Amino acid sequence: MVFWISIMLLILLEVQKRRIYNIYITNVLEGIGLIEKKLKNRIQWKKKLSKSSGLAAIHAATSNFSDSNKLGEGGFGPVYKGLT
């Protein structure tokens, strides 16, 4: 019984961690002006972006992914601070 409770708690913690990560990414994209929140769970791109213009905005916000803006490493790779 304790084993199954432990497994359930681990799953719940992993789900919570992903929710926090998703909120963080949403806030970053909103901060650099790529998306806007209409309602709590309704997010949309501010305008149609070509792949290159969206990437250009990210490069500008992170100073071309400079080491001075690197916050650390995450599960998907390096994490950078974006400045607007």
N, C-alpha and C. Protein backbone atom coordinates (compact mmCIF):
# COMPACT_ATOMS: atom_id res chain seq x y z
N MET A 1 0.82 -1.20 0.00
CA MET A 1 0.00 0.00 0.00
C MET A 1 0.86 1.26 0.00
N VAL A 2 1.88 1.28 0.85
CA VAL A 2 2.77 2.44 0.92
C VAL A 2 3.46 2.66 -0.42
N PHE A 3 3.81 1.56 -1.08
CA PHE A 3 4.47 1.65 -2.37
C PHE A 3 3.59 2.40 -3.38
N TRP A 4 2.30 2.04 -3.45
CA TRP A 4 1.40 2.67 -4.41
C TRP A 4 1.15 4.14 -4.07
N ILE A 5 1.10 4.45 -2.80
CA ILE A 5 0.93 5.86 -2.39
C ILE A 5 2.16 6.66 -2.81
N SER A 6 3.35 6.06 -2.66
CA SER A 6 4.59 6.72 -3.07
C SER A 6 4.60 6.98 -4.57
N ILE A 7 4.16 6.00 -5.34
CA ILE A 7 4.11 6.16 -6.80
C ILE A 7 3.14 7.28 -7.18
N MET A 8 1.98 7.30 -6.55
CA MET A 8 0.98 8.35 -6.83
C MET A 8 1.53 9.73 -6.50
N LEU A 9 2.23 9.85 -5.38
CA LEU A 9 2.81 11.14 -5.00
C LEU A 9 3.87 11.58 -6.00
N LEU A 10 4.69 10.66 -6.46
CA LEU A 10 5.70 11.00 -7.46
C LEU A 10 5.06 11.49 -8.76
N ILE A 11 4.00 10.84 -9.17
CA ILE A 11 3.29 11.26 -10.39
C ILE A 11 2.70 12.66 -10.19
N LEU A 12 2.07 12.90 -9.06
CA LEU A 12 1.49 14.21 -8.79
C LEU A 12 2.56 15.30 -8.77
N LEU A 13 3.72 15.00 -8.19
CA LEU A 13 4.80 15.99 -8.15
C LEU A 13 5.32 16.30 -9.56
N GLU A 14 5.41 15.28 -10.39
CA GLU A 14 5.88 15.48 -11.77
C GLU A 14 4.89 16.34 -12.55
N VAL A 15 3.59 16.10 -12.38
CA VAL A 15 2.57 16.90 -13.05
C VAL A 15 2.65 18.35 -12.59
N GLN A 16 2.82 18.57 -11.29
CA GLN A 16 2.92 19.93 -10.76
C GLN A 16 4.16 20.63 -11.30
N LYS A 17 5.27 19.91 -11.41
CA LYS A 17 6.50 20.49 -11.93
C LYS A 17 6.31 20.93 -13.38
N ARG A 18 5.60 20.12 -14.17
CA ARG A 18 5.35 20.49 -15.57
C ARG A 18 4.44 21.70 -15.68
N ARG A 19 3.44 21.80 -14.78
CA ARG A 19 2.56 22.97 -14.80
C ARG A 19 3.35 24.23 -14.51
N ILE A 20 4.24 24.18 -13.53
CA ILE A 20 5.06 25.35 -13.20
C ILE A 20 5.94 25.71 -14.39
N TYR A 21 6.55 24.71 -15.05
CA TYR A 21 7.38 24.96 -16.21
C TYR A 21 6.57 25.62 -17.33
N ASN A 22 5.36 25.12 -17.59
CA ASN A 22 4.51 25.69 -18.63
C ASN A 22 4.14 27.13 -18.32
N ILE A 23 3.84 27.44 -17.06
CA ILE A 23 3.53 28.81 -16.67
C ILE A 23 4.74 29.70 -16.89
N TYR A 24 5.93 29.21 -16.54
CA TYR A 24 7.16 29.98 -16.71
C TYR A 24 7.40 30.29 -18.19
N ILE A 25 7.27 29.29 -19.05
CA ILE A 25 7.49 29.50 -20.49
C ILE A 25 6.47 30.49 -21.03
N THR A 26 5.21 30.38 -20.61
CA THR A 26 4.18 31.31 -21.05
C THR A 26 4.53 32.73 -20.64
N ASN A 27 5.00 32.92 -19.42
CA ASN A 27 5.37 34.25 -18.95
C ASN A 27 6.56 34.82 -19.73
N VAL A 28 7.51 33.97 -20.08
CA VAL A 28 8.66 34.42 -20.87
C VAL A 28 8.20 34.88 -22.25
N LEU A 29 7.38 34.05 -22.92
CA LEU A 29 6.91 34.41 -24.26
C LEU A 29 6.05 35.68 -24.23
N GLU A 30 5.28 35.85 -23.16
CA GLU A 30 4.49 37.07 -23.02
C GLU A 30 5.41 38.27 -22.77
N GLY A 31 6.45 38.06 -21.99
CA GLY A 31 7.38 39.14 -21.66
C GLY A 31 8.14 39.67 -22.86
N ILE A 32 8.47 38.81 -23.81
CA ILE A 32 9.19 39.29 -24.99
C ILE A 32 8.25 39.67 -26.13
N GLY A 33 6.95 39.64 -25.85
CA GLY A 33 5.98 40.18 -26.79
C GLY A 33 5.52 39.24 -27.88
N LEU A 34 5.70 37.94 -27.72
CA LEU A 34 5.28 37.01 -28.75
C LEU A 34 3.85 36.53 -28.57
N ILE A 35 3.38 36.47 -27.32
CA ILE A 35 2.01 36.02 -27.07
C ILE A 35 1.32 37.00 -26.13
N GLU A 36 0.01 36.87 -26.05
CA GLU A 36 -0.74 37.64 -25.06
C GLU A 36 -1.81 36.76 -24.45
N LYS A 37 -2.05 36.98 -23.17
CA LYS A 37 -3.07 36.21 -22.46
C LYS A 37 -4.38 36.98 -22.55
N LYS A 38 -5.37 36.34 -23.13
CA LYS A 38 -6.71 36.94 -23.19
C LYS A 38 -7.45 36.68 -21.88
N LEU A 39 -7.43 35.46 -21.46
CA LEU A 39 -8.00 35.02 -20.19
C LEU A 39 -6.96 34.13 -19.54
N LYS A 40 -7.28 33.61 -18.35
CA LYS A 40 -6.31 32.77 -17.64
C LYS A 40 -5.82 31.59 -18.49
N ASN A 41 -6.72 30.91 -19.16
CA ASN A 41 -6.34 29.74 -19.95
C ASN A 41 -6.46 29.96 -21.44
N ARG A 42 -6.48 31.21 -21.86
CA ARG A 42 -6.62 31.51 -23.29
C ARG A 42 -5.44 32.38 -23.72
N ILE A 43 -4.57 31.79 -24.50
CA ILE A 43 -3.35 32.46 -24.93
C ILE A 43 -3.33 32.47 -26.45
N GLN A 44 -2.87 33.57 -27.04
CA GLN A 44 -2.76 33.59 -28.48
C GLN A 44 -1.52 34.37 -28.90
N TRP A 45 -1.02 34.03 -30.08
CA TRP A 45 0.11 34.76 -30.64
C TRP A 45 -0.33 36.18 -30.93
N LYS A 46 0.54 37.15 -30.70
CA LYS A 46 0.17 38.54 -30.94
C LYS A 46 -0.06 38.81 -32.41
N LYS A 47 0.76 38.24 -33.25
CA LYS A 47 0.58 38.42 -34.68
C LYS A 47 1.19 37.21 -35.38
N LYS A 48 0.87 37.07 -36.62
CA LYS A 48 1.47 35.98 -37.38
C LYS A 48 2.95 36.28 -37.54
N LEU A 49 3.76 35.34 -37.09
CA LEU A 49 5.20 35.51 -37.19
C LEU A 49 5.77 34.46 -38.13
N SER A 50 6.70 34.91 -38.95
CA SER A 50 7.42 33.91 -39.72
C SER A 50 8.40 33.25 -38.76
N LYS A 51 8.89 32.11 -39.12
CA LYS A 51 9.82 31.40 -38.26
C LYS A 51 11.05 32.27 -37.97
N SER A 52 11.53 32.99 -38.97
CA SER A 52 12.75 33.79 -38.78
C SER A 52 12.51 35.02 -37.90
N SER A 53 11.33 35.66 -38.00
CA SER A 53 11.09 36.85 -37.17
C SER A 53 10.87 36.47 -35.71
N GLY A 54 10.24 35.32 -35.45
CA GLY A 54 10.08 34.84 -34.08
C GLY A 54 11.43 34.50 -33.47
N LEU A 55 12.26 33.85 -34.25
CA LEU A 55 13.60 33.51 -33.79
C LEU A 55 14.44 34.76 -33.58
N ALA A 56 14.25 35.76 -34.43
CA ALA A 56 14.99 37.01 -34.28
C ALA A 56 14.62 37.71 -32.97
N ALA A 57 13.33 37.66 -32.60
CA ALA A 57 12.90 38.27 -31.34
C ALA A 57 13.52 37.55 -30.15
N ILE A 58 13.60 36.23 -30.23
CA ILE A 58 14.22 35.47 -29.14
C ILE A 58 15.72 35.74 -29.07
N HIS A 59 16.38 35.82 -30.21
CA HIS A 59 17.81 36.15 -30.21
C HIS A 59 18.04 37.54 -29.62
N ALA A 60 17.19 38.48 -29.96
CA ALA A 60 17.35 39.85 -29.42
C ALA A 60 17.11 39.88 -27.91
N ALA A 61 16.10 39.16 -27.45
CA ALA A 61 15.76 39.17 -26.02
C ALA A 61 16.84 38.49 -25.17
N THR A 62 17.54 37.53 -25.73
CA THR A 62 18.56 36.81 -24.97
C THR A 62 19.98 37.27 -25.29
N SER A 63 20.09 38.38 -26.01
CA SER A 63 21.40 38.88 -26.48
C SER A 63 22.16 37.77 -27.21
N ASN A 64 21.47 37.18 -28.15
CA ASN A 64 22.02 36.10 -28.97
C ASN A 64 22.51 34.93 -28.11
N PHE A 65 21.71 34.61 -27.08
CA PHE A 65 21.99 33.50 -26.17
C PHE A 65 23.36 33.65 -25.50
N SER A 66 23.65 34.86 -25.04
CA SER A 66 24.95 35.10 -24.42
C SER A 66 25.05 34.39 -23.07
N ASP A 67 26.28 34.04 -22.70
CA ASP A 67 26.51 33.35 -21.43
C ASP A 67 26.11 34.20 -20.24
N SER A 68 26.14 35.53 -20.37
CA SER A 68 25.74 36.39 -19.25
C SER A 68 24.25 36.28 -18.96
N ASN A 69 23.45 35.83 -19.93
CA ASN A 69 22.01 35.66 -19.72
C ASN A 69 21.61 34.22 -19.43
N LYS A 70 22.60 33.33 -19.32
CA LYS A 70 22.29 31.92 -19.04
C LYS A 70 21.97 31.76 -17.56
N LEU A 71 20.79 31.19 -17.29
CA LEU A 71 20.36 30.98 -15.90
C LEU A 71 20.77 29.62 -15.38
N GLY A 72 20.91 28.65 -16.24
CA GLY A 72 21.26 27.30 -15.82
C GLY A 72 20.85 26.28 -16.85
N GLU A 73 20.76 25.04 -16.40
CA GLU A 73 20.38 23.94 -17.28
C GLU A 73 19.06 23.35 -16.80
N GLY A 74 18.19 23.07 -17.73
CA GLY A 74 16.92 22.43 -17.41
C GLY A 74 16.86 21.05 -18.04
N GLY A 75 15.73 20.41 -17.93
CA GLY A 75 15.55 19.09 -18.50
C GLY A 75 15.61 19.06 -20.01
N PHE A 76 15.39 20.23 -20.66
CA PHE A 76 15.40 20.31 -22.11
C PHE A 76 16.61 21.05 -22.64
N GLY A 77 17.55 21.43 -21.77
CA GLY A 77 18.75 22.13 -22.21
C GLY A 77 18.95 23.42 -21.46
N PRO A 78 19.78 24.32 -21.99
CA PRO A 78 20.08 25.58 -21.29
C PRO A 78 18.86 26.48 -21.18
N VAL A 79 18.85 27.26 -20.10
CA VAL A 79 17.75 28.21 -19.84
C VAL A 79 18.35 29.61 -19.80
N TYR A 80 17.78 30.53 -20.57
CA TYR A 80 18.31 31.87 -20.69
C TYR A 80 17.30 32.89 -20.18
N LYS A 81 17.82 33.99 -19.65
CA LYS A 81 16.99 35.11 -19.23
C LYS A 81 16.71 35.97 -20.47
N GLY A 82 15.46 36.30 -20.69
CA GLY A 82 15.09 37.16 -21.81
C GLY A 82 14.82 38.57 -21.35
N LEU A 83 15.42 39.54 -21.99
CA LEU A 83 15.23 40.94 -21.64
C LEU A 83 14.42 41.63 -22.71
N THR A 84 13.46 42.46 -22.30
CA THR A 84 12.66 43.17 -23.29
C THR A 84 13.00 44.64 -23.27
